[in-house]
Amino acid sequence: MDNVFIKKEWLNKWVAKYFDKDLISIEDLIDVIEDLDDEITDCKEKYEDLKRDLEDNYKPISKAEQYEVSDKDFI
């Protein structure tokens, strides 16, 4: 047995959208799964980096500072 193929119509629409042919080999399916797993890992890392950056660099700014006004500007 050389290759096993799956009909595209048997796949759910979220998986099928990654293929442009009607018969998909198991090897092609595994390749797409590995690519998607890598993409998820990259997204998680970017999210964690952004979260860490916000935690490290976020400084609450008062409305007075945002609008460059102070209590001295009012009578």
N, C-alpha and C. Protein backbone atom coordinates (compact mmCIF):
# COMPACT_ATOMS: atom_id res chain seq x y z
N MET A 1 0.86 -1.18 0.00
CA MET A 1 0.00 0.00 0.00
C MET A 1 0.90 1.24 0.00
N ASP A 2 0.86 1.97 -1.09
CA ASP A 2 1.72 3.13 -1.23
C ASP A 2 1.16 4.35 -0.50
N ASN A 3 -0.02 4.75 -0.88
CA ASN A 3 -0.61 5.96 -0.30
C ASN A 3 -2.06 5.71 0.05
N VAL A 4 -2.51 6.40 1.05
CA VAL A 4 -3.92 6.38 1.42
C VAL A 4 -4.44 7.78 1.16
N PHE A 5 -5.59 7.87 0.50
CA PHE A 5 -6.15 9.17 0.16
C PHE A 5 -7.51 9.34 0.82
N ILE A 6 -7.84 10.58 1.09
CA ILE A 6 -9.13 10.94 1.66
C ILE A 6 -9.80 11.91 0.69
N LYS A 7 -11.09 11.73 0.48
CA LYS A 7 -11.82 12.68 -0.36
C LYS A 7 -12.00 13.98 0.40
N LYS A 8 -11.83 15.06 -0.31
CA LYS A 8 -11.96 16.38 0.30
C LYS A 8 -13.34 16.57 0.90
N GLU A 9 -14.35 16.00 0.26
CA GLU A 9 -15.72 16.16 0.73
C GLU A 9 -15.96 15.47 2.08
N TRP A 10 -15.08 14.55 2.49
CA TRP A 10 -15.22 13.87 3.77
C TRP A 10 -14.68 14.71 4.92
N LEU A 11 -13.87 15.71 4.58
CA LEU A 11 -13.28 16.57 5.61
C LEU A 11 -14.26 17.67 6.00
N ASN A 12 -14.13 18.17 7.22
CA ASN A 12 -14.99 19.31 7.57
C ASN A 12 -14.48 20.55 6.84
N LYS A 13 -15.31 21.57 6.77
CA LYS A 13 -14.99 22.73 5.93
C LYS A 13 -13.75 23.49 6.41
N TRP A 14 -13.44 23.43 7.70
CA TRP A 14 -12.28 24.16 8.23
C TRP A 14 -10.96 23.51 7.82
N VAL A 15 -10.99 22.22 7.62
CA VAL A 15 -9.79 21.51 7.17
C VAL A 15 -9.73 21.52 5.65
N ALA A 16 -10.87 21.32 5.00
CA ALA A 16 -10.92 21.22 3.54
C ALA A 16 -10.45 22.50 2.86
N LYS A 17 -10.61 23.64 3.50
CA LYS A 17 -10.24 24.91 2.85
C LYS A 17 -8.74 25.03 2.58
N TYR A 18 -7.93 24.18 3.20
CA TYR A 18 -6.50 24.23 2.98
C TYR A 18 -6.03 23.40 1.79
N PHE A 19 -6.97 22.77 1.09
CA PHE A 19 -6.62 21.92 -0.04
C PHE A 19 -7.37 22.36 -1.28
N ASP A 20 -6.68 22.26 -2.43
CA ASP A 20 -7.32 22.64 -3.69
C ASP A 20 -7.53 21.44 -4.61
N LYS A 21 -7.30 20.24 -4.11
CA LYS A 21 -7.53 19.05 -4.91
C LYS A 21 -8.59 18.18 -4.22
N ASP A 22 -9.16 17.26 -4.97
CA ASP A 22 -10.25 16.44 -4.46
C ASP A 22 -9.80 15.25 -3.61
N LEU A 23 -8.63 14.73 -3.90
CA LEU A 23 -8.08 13.62 -3.12
C LEU A 23 -6.86 14.10 -2.35
N ILE A 24 -6.87 13.88 -1.06
CA ILE A 24 -5.79 14.37 -0.20
C ILE A 24 -5.10 13.17 0.43
N SER A 25 -3.79 13.13 0.31
CA SER A 25 -3.05 12.03 0.92
C SER A 25 -2.92 12.30 2.42
N ILE A 26 -2.72 11.24 3.16
CA ILE A 26 -2.53 11.36 4.61
C ILE A 26 -1.30 12.21 4.90
N GLU A 27 -0.28 12.06 4.07
CA GLU A 27 0.94 12.86 4.24
C GLU A 27 0.65 14.35 4.09
N ASP A 28 -0.15 14.72 3.08
CA ASP A 28 -0.53 16.13 2.90
C ASP A 28 -1.35 16.63 4.09
N LEU A 29 -2.23 15.80 4.58
CA LEU A 29 -3.05 16.17 5.72
C LEU A 29 -2.19 16.40 6.96
N ILE A 30 -1.24 15.52 7.18
CA ILE A 30 -0.34 15.67 8.33
C ILE A 30 0.51 16.93 8.18
N ASP A 31 0.97 17.23 6.96
CA ASP A 31 1.75 18.45 6.72
C ASP A 31 0.96 19.70 7.09
N VAL A 32 -0.31 19.73 6.70
CA VAL A 32 -1.14 20.89 7.01
C VAL A 32 -1.36 20.99 8.52
N ILE A 33 -1.58 19.87 9.17
CA ILE A 33 -1.76 19.88 10.63
C ILE A 33 -0.50 20.41 11.31
N GLU A 34 0.67 19.98 10.86
CA GLU A 34 1.93 20.47 11.45
C GLU A 34 2.10 21.96 11.22
N ASP A 35 1.76 22.44 10.02
CA ASP A 35 1.85 23.88 9.72
C ASP A 35 0.92 24.68 10.63
N LEU A 36 -0.29 24.19 10.81
CA LEU A 36 -1.25 24.88 11.66
C LEU A 36 -0.81 24.87 13.12
N ASP A 37 -0.22 23.77 13.55
CA ASP A 37 0.29 23.69 14.91
C ASP A 37 1.42 24.71 15.12
N ASP A 38 2.30 24.83 14.14
CA ASP A 38 3.37 25.83 14.21
C ASP A 38 2.81 27.24 14.28
N GLU A 39 1.77 27.49 13.50
CA GLU A 39 1.14 28.81 13.49
C GLU A 39 0.51 29.12 14.85
N ILE A 40 -0.12 28.14 15.45
CA ILE A 40 -0.72 28.33 16.77
C ILE A 40 0.37 28.62 17.80
N THR A 41 1.46 27.89 17.74
CA THR A 41 2.58 28.10 18.66
C THR A 41 3.13 29.52 18.51
N ASP A 42 3.30 29.97 17.27
CA ASP A 42 3.78 31.33 17.03
C ASP A 42 2.82 32.37 17.60
N CYS A 43 1.54 32.17 17.38
CA CYS A 43 0.53 33.12 17.90
C CYS A 43 0.55 33.16 19.42
N LYS A 44 0.69 32.01 20.06
CA LYS A 44 0.76 31.96 21.52
C LYS A 44 1.98 32.71 22.03
N GLU A 45 3.12 32.53 21.36
CA GLU A 45 4.34 33.22 21.76
C GLU A 45 4.19 34.73 21.60
N LYS A 46 3.62 35.17 20.48
CA LYS A 46 3.41 36.60 20.27
C LYS A 46 2.46 37.18 21.31
N TYR A 47 1.42 36.42 21.64
CA TYR A 47 0.47 36.87 22.65
C TYR A 47 1.15 37.01 24.01
N GLU A 48 1.94 36.02 24.38
CA GLU A 48 2.65 36.07 25.67
C GLU A 48 3.63 37.24 25.69
N ASP A 49 4.33 37.48 24.58
CA ASP A 49 5.25 38.62 24.50
C ASP A 49 4.51 39.94 24.67
N LEU A 50 3.38 40.06 24.01
CA LEU A 50 2.58 41.28 24.12
C LEU A 50 2.05 41.46 25.54
N LYS A 51 1.57 40.39 26.12
CA LYS A 51 1.07 40.44 27.49
C LYS A 51 2.17 40.86 28.46
N ARG A 52 3.35 40.28 28.30
CA ARG A 52 4.49 40.61 29.16
C ARG A 52 4.90 42.08 28.95
N ASP A 53 4.90 42.53 27.71
CA ASP A 53 5.26 43.91 27.40
C ASP A 53 4.28 44.87 28.07
N LEU A 54 2.99 44.56 28.00
CA LEU A 54 2.00 45.42 28.64
C LEU A 54 2.18 45.45 30.16
N GLU A 55 2.44 44.29 30.74
CA GLU A 55 2.64 44.23 32.19
C GLU A 55 3.88 45.01 32.61
N ASP A 56 4.93 44.95 31.81
CA ASP A 56 6.19 45.61 32.15
C ASP A 56 6.15 47.12 31.89
N ASN A 57 5.41 47.54 30.88
CA ASN A 57 5.50 48.93 30.45
C ASN A 57 4.24 49.76 30.63
N TYR A 58 3.17 49.16 31.05
CA TYR A 58 1.93 49.91 31.19
C TYR A 58 1.97 50.81 32.40
N LYS A 59 1.57 52.04 32.20
CA LYS A 59 1.50 53.01 33.29
C LYS A 59 0.15 53.70 33.18
N PRO A 60 -0.70 53.57 34.18
CA PRO A 60 -1.99 54.26 34.11
C PRO A 60 -1.79 55.77 34.02
N ILE A 61 -2.51 56.39 33.14
CA ILE A 61 -2.41 57.84 32.94
C ILE A 61 -3.74 58.45 33.32
N SER A 62 -3.69 59.44 34.20
CA SER A 62 -4.92 60.10 34.63
C SER A 62 -5.51 60.90 33.49
N LYS A 63 -6.80 61.18 33.60
CA LYS A 63 -7.46 61.97 32.55
C LYS A 63 -6.85 63.36 32.44
N ALA A 64 -6.47 63.94 33.57
CA ALA A 64 -5.85 65.27 33.56
C ALA A 64 -4.56 65.24 32.74
N GLU A 65 -3.78 64.19 32.91
CA GLU A 65 -2.54 64.08 32.16
C GLU A 65 -2.81 63.80 30.68
N GLN A 66 -3.85 63.03 30.40
CA GLN A 66 -4.19 62.73 29.01
C GLN A 66 -4.58 63.99 28.25
N TYR A 67 -5.36 64.86 28.92
CA TYR A 67 -5.85 66.06 28.26
C TYR A 67 -5.01 67.29 28.55
N GLU A 68 -3.91 67.10 29.26
CA GLU A 68 -2.97 68.16 29.61
C GLU A 68 -3.63 69.33 30.32
N VAL A 69 -4.44 68.97 31.30
CA VAL A 69 -5.07 69.98 32.15
C VAL A 69 -4.79 69.61 33.60
N SER A 70 -4.91 70.58 34.48
CA SER A 70 -4.73 70.31 35.89
C SER A 70 -5.78 71.07 36.67
N ASP A 71 -5.84 70.81 37.96
CA ASP A 71 -6.82 71.52 38.80
C ASP A 71 -6.54 73.01 38.84
N LYS A 72 -5.33 73.42 38.60
CA LYS A 72 -4.98 74.83 38.60
C LYS A 72 -5.60 75.58 37.43
N ASP A 73 -6.00 74.86 36.38
CA ASP A 73 -6.61 75.49 35.21
C ASP A 73 -8.05 75.94 35.47
N PHE A 74 -8.62 75.51 36.58
CA PHE A 74 -10.01 75.84 36.89
C PHE A 74 -10.06 76.76 38.12
N ILE A 75 -11.06 77.58 38.18
CA ILE A 75 -11.21 78.51 39.28
C ILE A 75 -11.71 77.81 40.51
